[in-house]
Amino acid sequence: MQEVRRLSPQQPASLIGLLTAVYGLGQIVGPPLAAAFLARSASVEAGFSAALGVAAAVLLLGALMFGAMVRRYPVVPVQGR
């Protein structure tokens, strides 16, 4: 929330709403996607490994996006605080 307020001080509610919607979408899509990996794999272990691989890749992508945002929008110290 603090990062959203820093990036968009004029309209933080819209960005917070977007982040909430993306989180909710992940919560809805994640379990059926993992089940599809499990159903299409040769074994439960292989399906679970594939699902974890996809989850790790998405997490890495999010970390890279966050790093890019930190570089693009650096924190500027406010005088008097």
Foldseek 3Di string as FASTA:
>chain_A
DVVLCLVCVPCSPVVVVVVVVVVVVCVVPLPVVLVVLCVPDPHNVRSNVVSVVVVVVVVVVVVVVVVVVCVVRPDDDDPPD
